[in-house]
ModelCIF file with pLDDT and N, C-alpha, C, O atoms, coordinates in Angstrom:
data_MODEL
#
_entry.id   MODEL 
#
_entity.id                         1 
_entity.type                       polymer 
_entity.pdbx_number_of_molecules   1 
#
_entity_poly.entity_id                      1 
_entity_poly.type                           'polypeptide(L)' 
_entity_poly.nstd_linkage                   no 
_entity_poly.nstd_monomer                   no 
_entity_poly.pdbx_seq_one_letter_code       
;(UNK)(UNK)(UNK)(UNK)(UNK)(UNK)(UNK)(UNK)(UNK)(UNK)(UNK)(UNK)(UNK)(UNK)(UNK)(UNK)
(UNK)(UNK)(UNK)(UNK)(UNK)(UNK)(UNK)(UNK)(UNK)(UNK)(UNK)(UNK)(UNK)(UNK)(UNK)(UNK)
(UNK)(UNK)(UNK)(UNK)(UNK)(UNK)(UNK)(UNK)(UNK)(UNK)
;
_entity_poly.pdbx_seq_one_letter_code_can   XXXXXXXXXXXXXXXXXXXXXXXXXXXXXXXXXXXXXXXXXX 
_entity_poly.pdbx_strand_id                 A 
#
loop_
_entity_poly_seq.entity_id 
_entity_poly_seq.num 
_entity_poly_seq.mon_id 
_entity_poly_seq.hetero 
1 1  UNK n 
1 2  UNK n 
1 3  UNK n 
1 4  UNK n 
1 5  UNK n 
1 6  UNK n 
1 7  UNK n 
1 8  UNK n 
1 9  UNK n 
1 10 UNK n 
1 11 UNK n 
1 12 UNK n 
1 13 UNK n 
1 14 UNK n 
1 15 UNK n 
1 16 UNK n 
1 17 UNK n 
1 18 UNK n 
1 19 UNK n 
1 20 UNK n 
1 21 UNK n 
1 22 UNK n 
1 23 UNK n 
1 24 UNK n 
1 25 UNK n 
1 26 UNK n 
1 27 UNK n 
1 28 UNK n 
1 29 UNK n 
1 30 UNK n 
1 31 UNK n 
1 32 UNK n 
1 33 UNK n 
1 34 UNK n 
1 35 UNK n 
1 36 UNK n 
1 37 UNK n 
1 38 UNK n 
1 39 UNK n 
1 40 UNK n 
1 41 UNK n 
1 42 UNK n 
#
_struct_asym.id          A 
_struct_asym.entity_id   1 
#
loop_
_ma_qa_metric.id 
_ma_qa_metric.mode 
_ma_qa_metric.name 
_ma_qa_metric.software_group_id 
_ma_qa_metric.type 
1 global pLDDT . pLDDT 
2 local  pLDDT . pLDDT 
#
_ma_qa_metric_global.metric_id      1 
_ma_qa_metric_global.metric_value   90.50 
_ma_qa_metric_global.model_id       1 
_ma_qa_metric_global.ordinal_id     1 
#
loop_
_ma_qa_metric_local.label_asym_id 
_ma_qa_metric_local.label_comp_id 
_ma_qa_metric_local.label_seq_id 
_ma_qa_metric_local.metric_id 
_ma_qa_metric_local.metric_value 
_ma_qa_metric_local.model_id 
_ma_qa_metric_local.ordinal_id 
A UNK 1  2 82.00 1 1  
A UNK 2  2 88.00 1 2  
A UNK 3  2 86.00 1 3  
A UNK 4  2 81.00 1 4  
A UNK 5  2 86.00 1 5  
A UNK 6  2 88.00 1 6  
A UNK 7  2 84.00 1 7  
A UNK 8  2 79.00 1 8  
A UNK 9  2 86.00 1 9  
A UNK 10 2 88.00 1 10 
A UNK 11 2 83.00 1 11 
A UNK 12 2 85.00 1 12 
A UNK 13 2 89.00 1 13 
A UNK 14 2 88.00 1 14 
A UNK 15 2 87.00 1 15 
A UNK 16 2 91.00 1 16 
A UNK 17 2 93.00 1 17 
A UNK 18 2 90.00 1 18 
A UNK 19 2 89.00 1 19 
A UNK 20 2 91.00 1 20 
A UNK 21 2 91.00 1 21 
A UNK 22 2 90.00 1 22 
A UNK 23 2 90.00 1 23 
A UNK 24 2 93.00 1 24 
A UNK 25 2 91.00 1 25 
A UNK 26 2 87.00 1 26 
A UNK 27 2 88.00 1 27 
A UNK 28 2 91.00 1 28 
A UNK 29 2 91.00 1 29 
A UNK 30 2 93.00 1 30 
A UNK 31 2 94.00 1 31 
A UNK 32 2 95.00 1 32 
A UNK 33 2 96.00 1 33 
A UNK 34 2 97.00 1 34 
A UNK 35 2 97.00 1 35 
A UNK 36 2 97.00 1 36 
A UNK 37 2 97.00 1 37 
A UNK 38 2 98.00 1 38 
A UNK 39 2 98.00 1 39 
A UNK 40 2 97.00 1 40 
A UNK 41 2 98.00 1 41 
A UNK 42 2 98.00 1 42 
#
loop_
_atom_site.group_PDB 
_atom_site.id 
_atom_site.type_symbol 
_atom_site.label_atom_id 
_atom_site.label_alt_id 
_atom_site.label_comp_id 
_atom_site.label_asym_id 
_atom_site.label_entity_id 
_atom_site.label_seq_id 
_atom_site.pdbx_PDB_ins_code 
_atom_site.Cartn_x 
_atom_site.Cartn_y 
_atom_site.Cartn_z 
_atom_site.occupancy 
_atom_site.B_iso_or_equiv 
_atom_site.pdbx_formal_charge 
_atom_site.auth_seq_id 
_atom_site.auth_comp_id 
_atom_site.auth_asym_id 
_atom_site.auth_atom_id 
_atom_site.pdbx_PDB_model_num 
ATOM 1   N N  . UNK A 1 1  ? 17.519  11.607  -162.738 1.00 82.00 ? 1  UNK A N  1 
ATOM 2   C CA . UNK A 1 1  ? 16.466  11.107  -161.832 1.00 82.00 ? 1  UNK A CA 1 
ATOM 3   C C  . UNK A 1 1  ? 15.115  10.919  -162.505 1.00 82.00 ? 1  UNK A C  1 
ATOM 4   O O  . UNK A 1 1  ? 14.398  9.959   -162.220 1.00 82.00 ? 1  UNK A O  1 
ATOM 5   N N  . UNK A 1 2  ? 14.771  11.840  -163.399 1.00 88.00 ? 2  UNK A N  1 
ATOM 6   C CA . UNK A 1 2  ? 13.511  11.811  -164.092 1.00 88.00 ? 2  UNK A CA 1 
ATOM 7   C C  . UNK A 1 2  ? 13.532  10.661  -165.164 1.00 88.00 ? 2  UNK A C  1 
ATOM 8   O O  . UNK A 1 2  ? 12.535  9.981   -165.407 1.00 88.00 ? 2  UNK A O  1 
ATOM 9   N N  . UNK A 1 3  ? 14.742  10.498  -165.785 1.00 86.00 ? 3  UNK A N  1 
ATOM 10  C CA . UNK A 1 3  ? 14.871  9.393   -166.716 1.00 86.00 ? 3  UNK A CA 1 
ATOM 11  C C  . UNK A 1 3  ? 14.640  8.053   -166.050 1.00 86.00 ? 3  UNK A C  1 
ATOM 12  O O  . UNK A 1 3  ? 14.088  7.141   -166.665 1.00 86.00 ? 3  UNK A O  1 
ATOM 13  N N  . UNK A 1 4  ? 15.061  7.919   -164.781 1.00 81.00 ? 4  UNK A N  1 
ATOM 14  C CA . UNK A 1 4  ? 14.881  6.707   -164.009 1.00 81.00 ? 4  UNK A CA 1 
ATOM 15  C C  . UNK A 1 4  ? 13.341  6.534   -163.824 1.00 81.00 ? 4  UNK A C  1 
ATOM 16  O O  . UNK A 1 4  ? 12.839  5.419   -163.965 1.00 81.00 ? 4  UNK A O  1 
ATOM 17  N N  . UNK A 1 5  ? 12.608  7.598   -163.517 1.00 86.00 ? 5  UNK A N  1 
ATOM 18  C CA . UNK A 1 5  ? 11.147  7.514   -163.422 1.00 86.00 ? 5  UNK A CA 1 
ATOM 19  C C  . UNK A 1 5  ? 10.559  7.052   -164.684 1.00 86.00 ? 5  UNK A C  1 
ATOM 20  O O  . UNK A 1 5  ? 9.658   6.214   -164.635 1.00 86.00 ? 5  UNK A O  1 
ATOM 21  N N  . UNK A 1 6  ? 10.969  7.504   -165.802 1.00 88.00 ? 6  UNK A N  1 
ATOM 22  C CA . UNK A 1 6  ? 10.425  7.156   -167.112 1.00 88.00 ? 6  UNK A CA 1 
ATOM 23  C C  . UNK A 1 6  ? 10.603  5.608   -167.304 1.00 88.00 ? 6  UNK A C  1 
ATOM 24  O O  . UNK A 1 6  ? 9.667   4.917   -167.705 1.00 88.00 ? 6  UNK A O  1 
ATOM 25  N N  . UNK A 1 7  ? 11.817  5.096   -167.008 1.00 84.00 ? 7  UNK A N  1 
ATOM 26  C CA . UNK A 1 7  ? 12.031  3.689   -167.207 1.00 84.00 ? 7  UNK A CA 1 
ATOM 27  C C  . UNK A 1 7  ? 11.237  2.823   -166.159 1.00 84.00 ? 7  UNK A C  1 
ATOM 28  O O  . UNK A 1 7  ? 10.903  1.672   -166.440 1.00 84.00 ? 7  UNK A O  1 
ATOM 29  N N  . UNK A 1 8  ? 10.969  3.349   -165.052 1.00 79.00 ? 8  UNK A N  1 
ATOM 30  C CA . UNK A 1 8  ? 10.219  2.717   -164.021 1.00 79.00 ? 8  UNK A CA 1 
ATOM 31  C C  . UNK A 1 8  ? 8.806   2.596   -164.548 1.00 79.00 ? 8  UNK A C  1 
ATOM 32  O O  . UNK A 1 8  ? 8.262   1.492   -164.552 1.00 79.00 ? 8  UNK A O  1 
ATOM 33  N N  . UNK A 1 9  ? 8.190   3.665   -164.987 1.00 86.00 ? 9  UNK A N  1 
ATOM 34  C CA . UNK A 1 9  ? 6.836   3.641   -165.485 1.00 86.00 ? 9  UNK A CA 1 
ATOM 35  C C  . UNK A 1 9  ? 6.728   2.651   -166.766 1.00 86.00 ? 9  UNK A C  1 
ATOM 36  O O  . UNK A 1 9  ? 5.771   1.894   -166.925 1.00 86.00 ? 9  UNK A O  1 
ATOM 37  N N  . UNK A 1 10 ? 7.731   2.741   -167.582 1.00 88.00 ? 10 UNK A N  1 
ATOM 38  C CA . UNK A 1 10 ? 7.767   1.822   -168.731 1.00 88.00 ? 10 UNK A CA 1 
ATOM 39  C C  . UNK A 1 10 ? 7.751   0.403   -168.259 1.00 88.00 ? 10 UNK A C  1 
ATOM 40  O O  . UNK A 1 10 ? 6.965   -0.380  -168.792 1.00 88.00 ? 10 UNK A O  1 
ATOM 41  N N  . UNK A 1 11 ? 8.584   -0.013  -167.264 1.00 83.00 ? 11 UNK A N  1 
ATOM 42  C CA . UNK A 1 11 ? 8.691   -1.322  -166.730 1.00 83.00 ? 11 UNK A CA 1 
ATOM 43  C C  . UNK A 1 11 ? 7.421   -1.761  -166.090 1.00 83.00 ? 11 UNK A C  1 
ATOM 44  O O  . UNK A 1 11 ? 7.054   -2.923  -166.262 1.00 83.00 ? 11 UNK A O  1 
ATOM 45  N N  . UNK A 1 12 ? 6.698   -0.918  -165.349 1.00 85.00 ? 12 UNK A N  1 
ATOM 46  C CA . UNK A 1 12 ? 5.462   -1.307  -164.749 1.00 85.00 ? 12 UNK A CA 1 
ATOM 47  C C  . UNK A 1 12 ? 4.414   -1.531  -165.843 1.00 85.00 ? 12 UNK A C  1 
ATOM 48  O O  . UNK A 1 12 ? 3.617   -2.463  -165.730 1.00 85.00 ? 12 UNK A O  1 
ATOM 49  N N  . UNK A 1 13 ? 4.387   -0.727  -166.876 1.00 89.00 ? 13 UNK A N  1 
ATOM 50  C CA . UNK A 1 13 ? 3.438   -0.966  -167.981 1.00 89.00 ? 13 UNK A CA 1 
ATOM 51  C C  . UNK A 1 13 ? 3.711   -2.270  -168.631 1.00 89.00 ? 13 UNK A C  1 
ATOM 52  O O  . UNK A 1 13 ? 2.781   -3.007  -168.959 1.00 89.00 ? 13 UNK A O  1 
ATOM 53  N N  . UNK A 1 14 ? 4.977   -2.589  -168.832 1.00 88.00 ? 14 UNK A N  1 
ATOM 54  C CA . UNK A 1 14 ? 5.300   -3.893  -169.445 1.00 88.00 ? 14 UNK A CA 1 
ATOM 55  C C  . UNK A 1 14 ? 4.918   -5.036  -168.604 1.00 88.00 ? 14 UNK A C  1 
ATOM 56  O O  . UNK A 1 14 ? 4.477   -6.058  -169.130 1.00 88.00 ? 14 UNK A O  1 
ATOM 57  N N  . UNK A 1 15 ? 5.062   -4.927  -167.295 1.00 87.00 ? 15 UNK A N  1 
ATOM 58  C CA . UNK A 1 15 ? 4.662   -6.044  -166.384 1.00 87.00 ? 15 UNK A CA 1 
ATOM 59  C C  . UNK A 1 15 ? 3.172   -6.222  -166.429 1.00 87.00 ? 15 UNK A C  1 
ATOM 60  O O  . UNK A 1 15 ? 2.717   -7.364  -166.479 1.00 87.00 ? 15 UNK A O  1 
ATOM 61  N N  . UNK A 1 16 ? 2.380   -5.176  -166.414 1.00 91.00 ? 16 UNK A N  1 
ATOM 62  C CA . UNK A 1 16 ? 0.909   -5.265  -166.460 1.00 91.00 ? 16 UNK A CA 1 
ATOM 63  C C  . UNK A 1 16 ? 0.516   -5.899  -167.792 1.00 91.00 ? 16 UNK A C  1 
ATOM 64  O O  . UNK A 1 16 ? -0.339  -6.782  -167.849 1.00 91.00 ? 16 UNK A O  1 
ATOM 65  N N  . UNK A 1 17 ? 1.158   -5.430  -168.856 1.00 93.00 ? 17 UNK A N  1 
ATOM 66  C CA . UNK A 1 17 ? 0.865   -5.917  -170.210 1.00 93.00 ? 17 UNK A CA 1 
ATOM 67  C C  . UNK A 1 17 ? 1.199   -7.382  -170.327 1.00 93.00 ? 17 UNK A C  1 
ATOM 68  O O  . UNK A 1 17 ? 0.439   -8.141  -170.929 1.00 93.00 ? 17 UNK A O  1 
ATOM 69  N N  . UNK A 1 18 ? 2.377   -7.825  -169.737 1.00 90.00 ? 18 UNK A N  1 
ATOM 70  C CA . UNK A 1 18 ? 2.766   -9.224  -169.755 1.00 90.00 ? 18 UNK A CA 1 
ATOM 71  C C  . UNK A 1 18 ? 1.797   -10.132 -169.046 1.00 90.00 ? 18 UNK A C  1 
ATOM 72  O O  . UNK A 1 18 ? 1.545   -11.256 -169.480 1.00 90.00 ? 18 UNK A O  1 
ATOM 73  N N  . UNK A 1 19 ? 1.249   -9.634  -167.942 1.00 89.00 ? 19 UNK A N  1 
ATOM 74  C CA . UNK A 1 19 ? 0.213   -10.401 -167.243 1.00 89.00 ? 19 UNK A CA 1 
ATOM 75  C C  . UNK A 1 19 ? -1.090  -10.517 -168.100 1.00 89.00 ? 19 UNK A C  1 
ATOM 76  O O  . UNK A 1 19 ? -1.682  -11.587 -168.242 1.00 89.00 ? 19 UNK A O  1 
ATOM 77  N N  . UNK A 1 20 ? -1.476  -9.385  -168.639 1.00 91.00 ? 20 UNK A N  1 
ATOM 78  C CA . UNK A 1 20 ? -2.695  -9.389  -169.443 1.00 91.00 ? 20 UNK A CA 1 
ATOM 79  C C  . UNK A 1 20 ? -2.675  -10.118 -170.677 1.00 91.00 ? 20 UNK A C  1 
ATOM 80  O O  . UNK A 1 20 ? -3.735  -10.562 -171.116 1.00 91.00 ? 20 UNK A O  1 
ATOM 81  N N  . UNK A 1 21 ? -1.513  -10.309 -171.336 1.00 91.00 ? 21 UNK A N  1 
ATOM 82  C CA . UNK A 1 21 ? -1.395  -10.865 -172.643 1.00 91.00 ? 21 UNK A CA 1 
ATOM 83  C C  . UNK A 1 21 ? -2.128  -12.190 -172.749 1.00 91.00 ? 21 UNK A C  1 
ATOM 84  O O  . UNK A 1 21 ? -2.908  -12.382 -173.682 1.00 91.00 ? 21 UNK A O  1 
ATOM 85  N N  . UNK A 1 22 ? -1.903  -13.109 -171.821 1.00 90.00 ? 22 UNK A N  1 
ATOM 86  C CA . UNK A 1 22 ? -2.396  -14.436 -171.898 1.00 90.00 ? 22 UNK A CA 1 
ATOM 87  C C  . UNK A 1 22 ? -3.962  -14.477 -171.741 1.00 90.00 ? 22 UNK A C  1 
ATOM 88  O O  . UNK A 1 22 ? -4.651  -15.107 -172.543 1.00 90.00 ? 22 UNK A O  1 
ATOM 89  N N  . UNK A 1 23 ? -4.483  -13.810 -170.719 1.00 90.00 ? 23 UNK A N  1 
ATOM 90  C CA . UNK A 1 23 ? -5.926  -13.831 -170.532 1.00 90.00 ? 23 UNK A CA 1 
ATOM 91  C C  . UNK A 1 23 ? -6.692  -13.085 -171.635 1.00 90.00 ? 23 UNK A C  1 
ATOM 92  O O  . UNK A 1 23 ? -7.834  -13.432 -171.938 1.00 90.00 ? 23 UNK A O  1 
ATOM 93  N N  . UNK A 1 24 ? -6.067  -12.068 -172.231 1.00 93.00 ? 24 UNK A N  1 
ATOM 94  C CA . UNK A 1 24 ? -6.650  -11.360 -173.350 1.00 93.00 ? 24 UNK A CA 1 
ATOM 95  C C  . UNK A 1 24 ? -6.666  -12.288 -174.537 1.00 93.00 ? 24 UNK A C  1 
ATOM 96  O O  . UNK A 1 24 ? -7.614  -12.236 -175.319 1.00 93.00 ? 24 UNK A O  1 
ATOM 97  N N  . UNK A 1 25 ? -5.621  -13.180 -174.727 1.00 91.00 ? 25 UNK A N  1 
ATOM 98  C CA . UNK A 1 25 ? -5.709  -14.112 -175.817 1.00 91.00 ? 25 UNK A CA 1 
ATOM 99  C C  . UNK A 1 25 ? -6.855  -15.040 -175.637 1.00 91.00 ? 25 UNK A C  1 
ATOM 100 O O  . UNK A 1 25 ? -7.512  -15.374 -176.623 1.00 91.00 ? 25 UNK A O  1 
ATOM 101 N N  . UNK A 1 26 ? -7.154  -15.500 -174.402 1.00 87.00 ? 26 UNK A N  1 
ATOM 102 C CA . UNK A 1 26 ? -8.209  -16.360 -174.087 1.00 87.00 ? 26 UNK A CA 1 
ATOM 103 C C  . UNK A 1 26 ? -9.605  -15.648 -174.438 1.00 87.00 ? 26 UNK A C  1 
ATOM 104 O O  . UNK A 1 26 ? -10.544 -16.306 -174.885 1.00 87.00 ? 26 UNK A O  1 
ATOM 105 N N  . UNK A 1 27 ? -9.681  -14.350 -174.224 1.00 88.00 ? 27 UNK A N  1 
ATOM 106 C CA . UNK A 1 27 ? -10.934 -13.692 -174.404 1.00 88.00 ? 27 UNK A CA 1 
ATOM 107 C C  . UNK A 1 27 ? -11.122 -13.209 -175.838 1.00 88.00 ? 27 UNK A C  1 
ATOM 108 O O  . UNK A 1 27 ? -12.218 -13.339 -176.383 1.00 88.00 ? 27 UNK A O  1 
ATOM 109 N N  . UNK A 1 28 ? -10.095 -12.661 -176.456 1.00 91.00 ? 28 UNK A N  1 
ATOM 110 C CA . UNK A 1 28 ? -10.322 -11.967 -177.741 1.00 91.00 ? 28 UNK A CA 1 
ATOM 111 C C  . UNK A 1 28 ? -9.563  -12.695 -178.932 1.00 91.00 ? 28 UNK A C  1 
ATOM 112 O O  . UNK A 1 28 ? -9.773  -12.375 -180.102 1.00 91.00 ? 28 UNK A O  1 
ATOM 113 N N  . UNK A 1 29 ? -8.718  -13.639 -178.587 1.00 91.00 ? 29 UNK A N  1 
ATOM 114 C CA . UNK A 1 29 ? -7.939  -14.297 -179.616 1.00 91.00 ? 29 UNK A CA 1 
ATOM 115 C C  . UNK A 1 29 ? -6.581  -13.705 -179.776 1.00 91.00 ? 29 UNK A C  1 
ATOM 116 O O  . UNK A 1 29 ? -6.387  -12.517 -179.519 1.00 91.00 ? 29 UNK A O  1 
ATOM 117 N N  . UNK A 1 30 ? -5.598  -14.532 -180.210 1.00 93.00 ? 30 UNK A N  1 
ATOM 118 C CA . UNK A 1 30 ? -4.194  -14.078 -180.258 1.00 93.00 ? 30 UNK A CA 1 
ATOM 119 C C  . UNK A 1 30 ? -4.042  -13.033 -181.314 1.00 93.00 ? 30 UNK A C  1 
ATOM 120 O O  . UNK A 1 30 ? -3.295  -12.081 -181.086 1.00 93.00 ? 30 UNK A O  1 
ATOM 121 N N  . UNK A 1 31 ? -4.681  -13.123 -182.449 1.00 94.00 ? 31 UNK A N  1 
ATOM 122 C CA . UNK A 1 31 ? -4.485  -12.174 -183.478 1.00 94.00 ? 31 UNK A CA 1 
ATOM 123 C C  . UNK A 1 31 ? -4.824  -10.762 -183.083 1.00 94.00 ? 31 UNK A C  1 
ATOM 124 O O  . UNK A 1 31 ? -4.072  -9.843  -183.407 1.00 94.00 ? 31 UNK A O  1 
ATOM 125 N N  . UNK A 1 32 ? -5.976  -10.544 -182.366 1.00 95.00 ? 32 UNK A N  1 
ATOM 126 C CA . UNK A 1 32 ? -6.276  -9.220  -181.861 1.00 95.00 ? 32 UNK A CA 1 
ATOM 127 C C  . UNK A 1 32 ? -5.346  -8.712  -180.844 1.00 95.00 ? 32 UNK A C  1 
ATOM 128 O O  . UNK A 1 32 ? -5.051  -7.519  -180.787 1.00 95.00 ? 32 UNK A O  1 
ATOM 129 N N  . UNK A 1 33 ? -4.871  -9.616  -180.025 1.00 96.00 ? 33 UNK A N  1 
ATOM 130 C CA . UNK A 1 33 ? -3.865  -9.146  -179.038 1.00 96.00 ? 33 UNK A CA 1 
ATOM 131 C C  . UNK A 1 33 ? -2.579  -8.699  -179.650 1.00 96.00 ? 33 UNK A C  1 
ATOM 132 O O  . UNK A 1 33 ? -1.999  -7.700  -179.224 1.00 96.00 ? 33 UNK A O  1 
ATOM 133 N N  . UNK A 1 34 ? -2.079  -9.476  -180.726 1.00 97.00 ? 34 UNK A N  1 
ATOM 134 C CA . UNK A 1 34 ? -0.873  -9.062  -181.382 1.00 97.00 ? 34 UNK A CA 1 
ATOM 135 C C  . UNK A 1 34 ? -1.085  -7.706  -182.124 1.00 97.00 ? 34 UNK A C  1 
ATOM 136 O O  . UNK A 1 34 ? -0.183  -6.868  -182.145 1.00 97.00 ? 34 UNK A O  1 
ATOM 137 N N  . UNK A 1 35 ? -2.295  -7.498  -182.735 1.00 97.00 ? 35 UNK A N  1 
ATOM 138 C CA . UNK A 1 35 ? -2.510  -6.229  -183.368 1.00 97.00 ? 35 UNK A CA 1 
ATOM 139 C C  . UNK A 1 35 ? -2.478  -5.139  -182.338 1.00 97.00 ? 35 UNK A C  1 
ATOM 140 O O  . UNK A 1 35 ? -1.876  -4.092  -182.575 1.00 97.00 ? 35 UNK A O  1 
ATOM 141 N N  . UNK A 1 36 ? -3.081  -5.337  -181.242 1.00 97.00 ? 36 UNK A N  1 
ATOM 142 C CA . UNK A 1 36 ? -3.106  -4.326  -180.158 1.00 97.00 ? 36 UNK A CA 1 
ATOM 143 C C  . UNK A 1 36 ? -1.687  -4.016  -179.759 1.00 97.00 ? 36 UNK A C  1 
ATOM 144 O O  . UNK A 1 36 ? -1.331  -2.850  -179.586 1.00 97.00 ? 36 UNK A O  1 
ATOM 145 N N  . UNK A 1 37 ? -0.861  -5.050  -179.609 1.00 97.00 ? 37 UNK A N  1 
ATOM 146 C CA . UNK A 1 37 ? 0.563   -4.751  -179.300 1.00 97.00 ? 37 UNK A CA 1 
ATOM 147 C C  . UNK A 1 37 ? 1.250   -3.869  -180.338 1.00 97.00 ? 37 UNK A C  1 
ATOM 148 O O  . UNK A 1 37 ? 2.039   -2.988  -179.997 1.00 97.00 ? 37 UNK A O  1 
ATOM 149 N N  . UNK A 1 38 ? 0.943   -4.114  -181.588 1.00 98.00 ? 38 UNK A N  1 
ATOM 150 C CA . UNK A 1 38 ? 1.563   -3.327  -182.682 1.00 98.00 ? 38 UNK A CA 1 
ATOM 151 C C  . UNK A 1 38 ? 1.105   -1.803  -182.541 1.00 98.00 ? 38 UNK A C  1 
ATOM 152 O O  . UNK A 1 38 ? 1.895   -0.863  -182.633 1.00 98.00 ? 38 UNK A O  1 
ATOM 153 N N  . UNK A 1 39 ? -0.187  -1.677  -182.319 1.00 98.00 ? 39 UNK A N  1 
ATOM 154 C CA . UNK A 1 39 ? -0.716  -0.314  -182.264 1.00 98.00 ? 39 UNK A CA 1 
ATOM 155 C C  . UNK A 1 39 ? -0.220  0.414   -181.024 1.00 98.00 ? 39 UNK A C  1 
ATOM 156 O O  . UNK A 1 39 ? 0.108   1.599   -181.085 1.00 98.00 ? 39 UNK A O  1 
ATOM 157 N N  . UNK A 1 40 ? -0.164  -0.295  -179.894 1.00 97.00 ? 40 UNK A N  1 
ATOM 158 C CA . UNK A 1 40 ? 0.246   0.373   -178.639 1.00 97.00 ? 40 UNK A CA 1 
ATOM 159 C C  . UNK A 1 40 ? 1.844   0.616   -178.664 1.00 97.00 ? 40 UNK A C  1 
ATOM 160 O O  . UNK A 1 40 ? 2.364   1.294   -177.778 1.00 97.00 ? 40 UNK A O  1 
ATOM 161 N N  . UNK A 1 41 ? 2.534   0.096   -179.607 1.00 98.00 ? 41 UNK A N  1 
ATOM 162 C CA . UNK A 1 41 ? 3.911   0.506   -179.761 1.00 98.00 ? 41 UNK A CA 1 
ATOM 163 C C  . UNK A 1 41 ? 4.010   1.637   -180.783 1.00 98.00 ? 41 UNK A C  1 
ATOM 164 O O  . UNK A 1 41 ? 4.700   2.628   -180.546 1.00 98.00 ? 41 UNK A O  1 
ATOM 165 N N  . UNK A 1 42 ? 3.316   1.492   -181.926 1.00 98.00 ? 42 UNK A N  1 
ATOM 166 C CA . UNK A 1 42 ? 3.488   2.389   -183.085 1.00 98.00 ? 42 UNK A CA 1 
ATOM 167 C C  . UNK A 1 42 ? 2.954   3.794   -182.736 1.00 98.00 ? 42 UNK A C  1 
ATOM 168 O O  . UNK A 1 42 ? 3.004   4.697   -183.570 1.00 98.00 ? 42 UNK A O  1 
#
């Protein structure tokens, strides 16, 4: 049950990040967004 909660939180974070990726590219540039993605994974 708790593992299901972990996957749910992960999915919600991914959905929010998917939405923000495009507008953040408009604001900060694609390179900085890609670097942020690497750091937020690593």
